[in-house]
C-alpha atoms as a PDB file:
ATOM      1  CA  MET A   1     -55.369   0.546  26.477  1.00  0.00           C
ATOM      2  CA  ALA A   2     -53.602  -1.997  24.270  1.00  0.00           C
ATOM      3  CA  SER A   3     -50.716  -3.996  25.692  1.00  0.00           C
ATOM      4  CA  ILE A   4     -47.245  -2.905  24.724  1.00  0.00           C
ATOM      5  CA  ILE A   5     -45.561  -6.142  25.811  1.00  0.00           C
ATOM      6  CA  ASN A   6     -43.640  -7.626  22.886  1.00  0.00           C
ATOM      7  CA  GLN A   7     -44.162  -4.408  20.894  1.00  0.00           C
ATOM      8  CA  GLU A   8     -41.165  -2.782  19.229  1.00  0.00           C
ATOM      9  CA  ILE A   9     -39.865   0.395  20.792  1.00  0.00           C
ATOM     10  CA  PRO A  10     -40.720   3.582  18.886  1.00  0.00           C
ATOM     11  CA  GLU A  11     -38.243   5.040  16.456  1.00  0.00           C
ATOM     12  CA  PHE A  12     -36.399   8.034  17.828  1.00  0.00           C
ATOM     13  CA  SER A  13     -33.257  10.145  17.646  1.00  0.00           C
ATOM     14  CA  ALA A  14     -32.516  12.353  20.642  1.00  0.00           C
ATOM     15  CA  ASP A  15     -29.694  14.179  22.397  1.00  0.00           C
ATOM     16  CA  ALA A  16     -28.447  12.840  25.664  1.00  0.00           C
ATOM     17  CA  TYR A  17     -25.990  13.847  28.368  1.00  0.00           C
ATOM     18  CA  VAL A  18     -23.624  11.024  29.211  1.00  0.00           C
ATOM     19  CA  ASN A  19     -20.281  11.030  30.996  1.00  0.00           C
ATOM     20  CA  GLY A  20     -19.542  14.720  30.429  1.00  0.00           C
ATOM     21  CA  GLU A  21     -20.552  14.751  26.774  1.00  0.00           C
ATOM     22  CA  PHE A  22     -23.576  15.330  24.591  1.00  0.00           C
ATOM     23  CA  LYS A  23     -24.380  12.371  22.373  1.00  0.00           C
ATOM     24  CA  THR A  24     -27.140  11.529  19.951  1.00  0.00           C
ATOM     25  CA  ILE A  25     -28.937   8.263  20.771  1.00  0.00           C
ATOM     26  CA  THR A  26     -31.286   6.491  18.362  1.00  0.00           C
ATOM     27  CA  SER A  27     -33.670   3.598  18.620  1.00  0.00           C
ATOM     28  CA  GLU A  28     -31.269   1.681  16.361  1.00  0.00           C
ATOM     29  CA  ASP A  29     -28.471   2.207  18.912  1.00  0.00           C
ATOM     30  CA  VAL A  30     -30.602   0.405  21.504  1.00  0.00           C
ATOM     31  CA  LYS A  31     -31.188  -2.762  19.459  1.00  0.00           C
ATOM     32  CA  GLY A  32     -28.768  -5.619  19.883  1.00  0.00           C
ATOM     33  CA  ASN A  33     -28.547  -5.227  23.653  1.00  0.00           C
ATOM     34  CA  TRP A  34     -30.851  -5.291  26.630  1.00  0.00           C
ATOM     35  CA  ALA A  35     -32.035  -1.846  27.738  1.00  0.00           C
ATOM     36  CA  ILE A  36     -33.952  -0.196  30.518  1.00  0.00           C
ATOM     37  CA  PHE A  37     -35.881   3.000  29.778  1.00  0.00           C
ATOM     38  CA  LEU A  38     -36.441   4.915  33.001  1.00  0.00           C
ATOM     39  CA  PHE A  39     -38.947   7.721  32.362  1.00  0.00           C
ATOM     40  CA  TYR A  40     -39.411  10.359  35.078  1.00  0.00           C
ATOM     41  CA  PRO A  41     -41.314  13.649  35.355  1.00  0.00           C
ATOM     42  CA  ALA A  42     -38.604  16.300  35.652  1.00  0.00           C
ATOM     43  CA  ASP A  43     -35.073  17.281  36.599  1.00  0.00           C
ATOM     44  CA  PHE A  44     -34.546  19.244  39.837  1.00  0.00           C
ATOM     45  CA  THR A  45     -37.434  17.554  41.607  1.00  0.00           C
ATOM     46  CA  PHE A  46     -37.750  15.226  44.599  1.00  0.00           C
ATOM     47  CA  VAL A  47     -38.483  11.520  44.008  1.00  0.00           C
ATOM     48  CA  CYS A  48     -36.715  11.565  40.612  1.00  0.00           C
ATOM     49  CA  PRO A  49     -33.136  11.992  41.908  1.00  0.00           C
ATOM     50  CA  THR A  50     -33.599   9.172  44.401  1.00  0.00           C
ATOM     51  CA  GLU A  51     -34.659   6.831  41.608  1.00  0.00           C
ATOM     52  CA  LEU A  52     -31.849   7.809  39.249  1.00  0.00           C
ATOM     53  CA  GLU A  53     -29.327   7.504  42.071  1.00  0.00           C
ATOM     54  CA  ASP A  54     -30.722   4.045  42.998  1.00  0.00           C
ATOM     55  CA  MET A  55     -30.353   2.930  39.359  1.00  0.00           C
ATOM     56  CA  ALA A  56     -26.811   4.371  39.272  1.00  0.00           C
ATOM     57  CA  ALA A  57     -25.930   2.189  42.321  1.00  0.00           C
ATOM     58  CA  HIS A  58     -26.867  -0.907  40.269  1.00  0.00           C
ATOM     59  CA  TYR A  59     -25.487   0.282  36.938  1.00  0.00           C
ATOM     60  CA  ASP A  60     -22.258  -1.736  37.009  1.00  0.00           C
ATOM     61  CA  GLU A  61     -24.139  -4.957  37.678  1.00  0.00           C
ATOM     62  CA  LEU A  62     -26.611  -4.139  34.915  1.00  0.00           C
ATOM     63  CA  LYS A  63     -23.733  -3.394  32.488  1.00  0.00           C
ATOM     64  CA  GLY A  64     -22.248  -6.759  33.438  1.00  0.00           C
ATOM     65  CA  LEU A  65     -25.494  -8.367  32.303  1.00  0.00           C
ATOM     66  CA  GLY A  66     -25.314  -6.528  28.960  1.00  0.00           C
ATOM     67  CA  VAL A  67     -27.955  -3.935  29.890  1.00  0.00           C
ATOM     68  CA  GLU A  68     -27.787  -0.226  29.086  1.00  0.00           C
ATOM     69  CA  VAL A  69     -29.922   2.187  31.075  1.00  0.00           C
ATOM     70  CA  TYR A  70     -31.517   5.275  29.496  1.00  0.00           C
ATOM     71  CA  SER A  71     -33.206   7.802  31.743  1.00  0.00           C
ATOM     72  CA  VAL A  72     -35.697   9.971  29.865  1.00  0.00           C
ATOM     73  CA  SER A  73     -37.591  13.145  30.767  1.00  0.00           C
ATOM     74  CA  THR A  74     -39.061  15.978  28.742  1.00  0.00           C
ATOM     75  CA  ASP A  75     -36.214  18.243  29.898  1.00  0.00           C
ATOM     76  CA  THR A  76     -33.417  19.046  27.444  1.00  0.00           C
ATOM     77  CA  HIS A  77     -29.980  17.443  27.480  1.00  0.00           C
ATOM     78  CA  PHE A  78     -28.639  20.859  28.609  1.00  0.00           C
ATOM     79  CA  THR A  79     -30.878  20.710  31.659  1.00  0.00           C
ATOM     80  CA  HIS A  80     -29.658  17.159  32.366  1.00  0.00           C
ATOM     81  CA  LYS A  81     -26.074  18.421  32.368  1.00  0.00           C
ATOM     82  CA  ALA A  82     -26.926  21.258  34.740  1.00  0.00           C
ATOM     83  CA  TRP A  83     -28.675  18.834  37.063  1.00  0.00           C
ATOM     84  CA  HIS A  84     -25.780  16.371  36.842  1.00  0.00           C
ATOM     85  CA  ASP A  85     -23.309  19.149  37.723  1.00  0.00           C
ATOM     86  CA  SER A  86     -25.320  20.505  40.661  1.00  0.00           C
ATOM     87  CA  SER A  87     -26.816  17.408  42.376  1.00  0.00           C
ATOM     88  CA  GLU A  88     -24.712  14.988  44.411  1.00  0.00           C
ATOM     89  CA  ALA A  89     -27.204  12.218  43.693  1.00  0.00           C
ATOM     90  CA  ILE A  90     -27.395  12.825  39.937  1.00  0.00           C
ATOM     91  CA  GLY A  91     -23.627  13.302  39.802  1.00  0.00           C
ATOM     92  CA  LYS A  92     -23.390   9.522  40.327  1.00  0.00           C
ATOM     93  CA  VAL A  93     -25.276   8.801  37.074  1.00  0.00           C
ATOM     94  CA  GLN A  94     -23.086   7.359  34.334  1.00  0.00           C
ATOM     95  CA  TYR A  95     -25.816   6.103  32.019  1.00  0.00           C
ATOM     96  CA  PRO A  96     -27.257   8.258  29.210  1.00  0.00           C
ATOM     97  CA  MET A  97     -29.807  10.898  30.275  1.00  0.00           C
ATOM     98  CA  ILE A  98     -31.956  11.456  27.211  1.00  0.00           C
ATOM     99  CA  GLY A  99     -33.639  14.787  26.638  1.00  0.00           C
ATOM    100  CA  ASP A 100     -37.081  14.550  25.109  1.00  0.00           C
ATOM    101  CA  PRO A 101     -38.355  18.161  24.961  1.00  0.00           C
ATOM    102  CA  THR A 102     -40.750  17.405  22.086  1.00  0.00           C
ATOM    103  CA  GLY A 103     -42.191  14.410  23.996  1.00  0.00           C
ATOM    104  CA  LYS A 104     -41.871  12.107  20.981  1.00  0.00           C
ATOM    105  CA  ILE A 105     -40.184   9.275  22.924  1.00  0.00           C
ATOM    106  CA  THR A 106     -42.394   9.780  25.964  1.00  0.00           C
ATOM    107  CA  ARG A 107     -45.541   9.562  23.761  1.00  0.00           C
ATOM    108  CA  GLY A 108     -44.097   6.604  21.922  1.00  0.00           C
ATOM    109  CA  PHE A 109     -43.899   4.640  25.201  1.00  0.00           C
ATOM    110  CA  ASN A 110     -47.378   5.977  26.134  1.00  0.00           C
ATOM    111  CA  VAL A 111     -46.279   7.690  29.359  1.00  0.00           C
ATOM    112  CA  MET A 112     -46.888  11.373  28.522  1.00  0.00           C
ATOM    113  CA  ILE A 113     -49.016  13.404  30.959  1.00  0.00           C
ATOM    114  CA  GLU A 114     -50.348  15.661  28.197  1.00  0.00           C
ATOM    115  CA  GLU A 115     -51.743  18.460  30.381  1.00  0.00           C
ATOM    116  CA  ALA A 116     -48.417  18.816  32.156  1.00  0.00           C
ATOM    117  CA  GLY A 117     -45.975  18.023  29.314  1.00  0.00           C
ATOM    118  CA  LEU A 118     -44.183  15.609  31.634  1.00  0.00           C
ATOM    119  CA  ALA A 119     -43.540  11.861  31.708  1.00  0.00           C
ATOM    120  CA  GLU A 120     -45.105   9.410  34.142  1.00  0.00           C
ATOM    121  CA  ARG A 121     -42.749   7.241  36.193  1.00  0.00           C
ATOM    122  CA  GLY A 122     -42.532   4.540  33.526  1.00  0.00           C
ATOM    123  CA  THR A 123     -39.966   1.719  33.471  1.00  0.00           C
ATOM    124  CA  PHE A 124     -39.504  -0.487  30.423  1.00  0.00           C
ATOM    125  CA  LEU A 125     -37.201  -3.470  29.908  1.00  0.00           C
ATOM    126  CA  VAL A 126     -36.367  -3.955  26.222  1.00  0.00           C
ATOM    127  CA  ASP A 127     -34.791  -7.114  24.818  1.00  0.00           C
ATOM    128  CA  PRO A 128     -32.045  -7.203  22.142  1.00  0.00           C
ATOM    129  CA  ASP A 129     -34.703  -7.362  19.402  1.00  0.00           C
ATOM    130  CA  GLY A 130     -36.056  -4.008  20.543  1.00  0.00           C
ATOM    131  CA  LEU A 131     -39.201  -5.573  22.011  1.00  0.00           C
ATOM    132  CA  ILE A 132     -40.653  -4.457  25.357  1.00  0.00           C
ATOM    133  CA  GLN A 133     -40.618  -7.311  27.878  1.00  0.00           C
ATOM    134  CA  VAL A 134     -41.499  -5.426  31.061  1.00  0.00           C
ATOM    135  CA  ALA A 135     -43.587  -2.291  31.462  1.00  0.00           C
ATOM    136  CA  GLU A 136     -44.438  -0.565  34.746  1.00  0.00           C
ATOM    137  CA  ILE A 137     -46.001   2.824  35.446  1.00  0.00           C
ATOM    138  CA  HIS A 138     -46.065   4.295  38.915  1.00  0.00           C
ATOM    139  CA  ALA A 139     -47.957   7.268  40.320  1.00  0.00           C
ATOM    140  CA  GLY A 140     -45.859  10.398  40.781  1.00  0.00           C
ATOM    141  CA  GLY A 141     -45.376   9.947  44.524  1.00  0.00           C
ATOM    142  CA  ILE A 142     -44.268   6.305  44.378  1.00  0.00           C
ATOM    143  CA  GLY A 143     -40.555   5.722  43.771  1.00  0.00           C
ATOM    144  CA  ARG A 144     -39.243   2.645  41.968  1.00  0.00           C
ATOM    145  CA  SER A 145     -36.674   0.052  43.007  1.00  0.00           C
ATOM    146  CA  ALA A 146     -33.638  -0.633  40.789  1.00  0.00           C
ATOM    147  CA  LYS A 147     -33.024  -3.827  42.780  1.00  0.00           C
ATOM    148  CA  ASP A 148     -36.395  -5.201  41.730  1.00  0.00           C
ATOM    149  CA  MET A 149     -35.811  -4.190  38.105  1.00  0.00           C
ATOM    150  CA  LEU A 150     -32.428  -6.006  38.263  1.00  0.00           C
ATOM    151  CA  ARG A 151     -34.317  -9.154  39.380  1.00  0.00           C
ATOM    152  CA  LYS A 152     -36.689  -8.747  36.443  1.00  0.00           C
ATOM    153  CA  VAL A 153     -33.800  -8.348  34.027  1.00  0.00           C
ATOM    154  CA  LYS A 154     -32.310 -11.624  35.225  1.00  0.00           C
ATOM    155  CA  ALA A 155     -35.688 -13.357  34.913  1.00  0.00           C
ATOM    156  CA  ALA A 156     -36.280 -11.994  31.391  1.00  0.00           C
ATOM    157  CA  GLN A 157     -32.836 -13.060  30.293  1.00  0.00           C
ATOM    158  CA  TYR A 158     -33.330 -16.521  31.809  1.00  0.00           C
ATOM    159  CA  VAL A 159     -36.657 -16.989  30.016  1.00  0.00           C
ATOM    160  CA  ARG A 160     -35.146 -15.832  26.726  1.00  0.00           C
ATOM    161  CA  GLU A 161     -32.245 -18.259  27.060  1.00  0.00           C
ATOM    162  CA  ASN A 162     -34.314 -21.254  28.344  1.00  0.00           C
ATOM    163  CA  ASP A 163     -37.141 -21.860  25.924  1.00  0.00           C
ATOM    164  CA  GLY A 164     -40.176 -23.456  27.559  1.00  0.00           C
ATOM    165  CA  GLU A 165     -39.333 -22.349  31.117  1.00  0.00           C
ATOM    166  CA  VAL A 166     -40.961 -19.547  33.089  1.00  0.00           C
ATOM    167  CA  CYS A 167     -39.987 -17.764  36.280  1.00  0.00           C
ATOM    168  CA  PRO A 168     -42.506 -17.778  39.170  1.00  0.00           C
ATOM    169  CA  ALA A 169     -43.283 -14.840  41.448  1.00  0.00           C
ATOM    170  CA  ALA A 170     -40.302 -13.308  43.291  1.00  0.00           C
ATOM    171  CA  TRP A 171     -37.935 -15.602  41.326  1.00  0.00           C
ATOM    172  CA  GLU A 172     -34.253 -14.994  42.068  1.00  0.00           C
ATOM    173  CA  GLN A 173     -31.370 -16.155  39.899  1.00  0.00           C
ATOM    174  CA  GLY A 174     -30.593 -19.795  40.695  1.00  0.00           C
ATOM    175  CA  GLY A 175     -34.098 -20.462  41.992  1.00  0.00           C
ATOM    176  CA  ASP A 176     -36.514 -23.048  40.668  1.00  0.00           C
ATOM    177  CA  THR A 177     -38.349 -22.321  37.464  1.00  0.00           C
ATOM    178  CA  LEU A 178     -41.459 -23.879  35.964  1.00  0.00           C
ATOM    179  CA  LYS A 179     -42.030 -25.801  32.741  1.00  0.00           C
ATOM    180  CA  PRO A 180     -45.666 -25.310  31.833  1.00  0.00           C
ATOM    181  CA  SER A 181     -47.237 -28.546  30.689  1.00  0.00           C
ATOM    182  CA  LEU A 182     -50.399 -30.582  30.924  1.00  0.00           C
ATOM    183  CA  ASP A 183     -48.902 -32.482  33.888  1.00  0.00           C
ATOM    184  CA  LEU A 184     -48.384 -29.194  35.798  1.00  0.00           C
ATOM    185  CA  VAL A 185     -51.996 -27.944  35.466  1.00  0.00           C
ATOM    186  CA  GLY A 186     -53.609 -27.732  38.911  1.00  0.00           C
ATOM    187  CA  LYS A 187     -50.458 -28.813  40.746  1.00  0.00           C
ATOM    188  CA  ILE A 188     -49.285 -25.357  41.869  1.00  0.00           C
END
């Protein structure tokens, strides 16, 4: 499998449910800002609502960092609305819930489970140029952490804004960074 890091997101146009309305979202709408794509298998399931609720709990902080969140499943935007209206956890979601019933977006991010017609648990951080900076895929029974993705957003933004510096493992905002150089080789 080829790496998708620093690859441009696929072109798409899809309907989403967001804040009580249906809205068309395109790949061009995403560019110019940071974005998280949160793929999940299906509405009305078990791990999925816990993940979307966890991301919703961090949404204001992410928005403050200039990040939009897009959850994506192969359900329709109509199903997303029904789920939003009936689930206490999903009722907290304010970010766009993109319907991808054709699987075009899901396939474009290479997270389609073809035999099931469902998405893997894939999380992608996209920079303002529309390039993928973080890509994670989890097995169906393993939920993701929005708090850890928030940390990765801060690290990616720091690296983008501070040319020549990198963030070490478990880096937190305000922590020490590294400046790779000949003098640093073998010193860590």
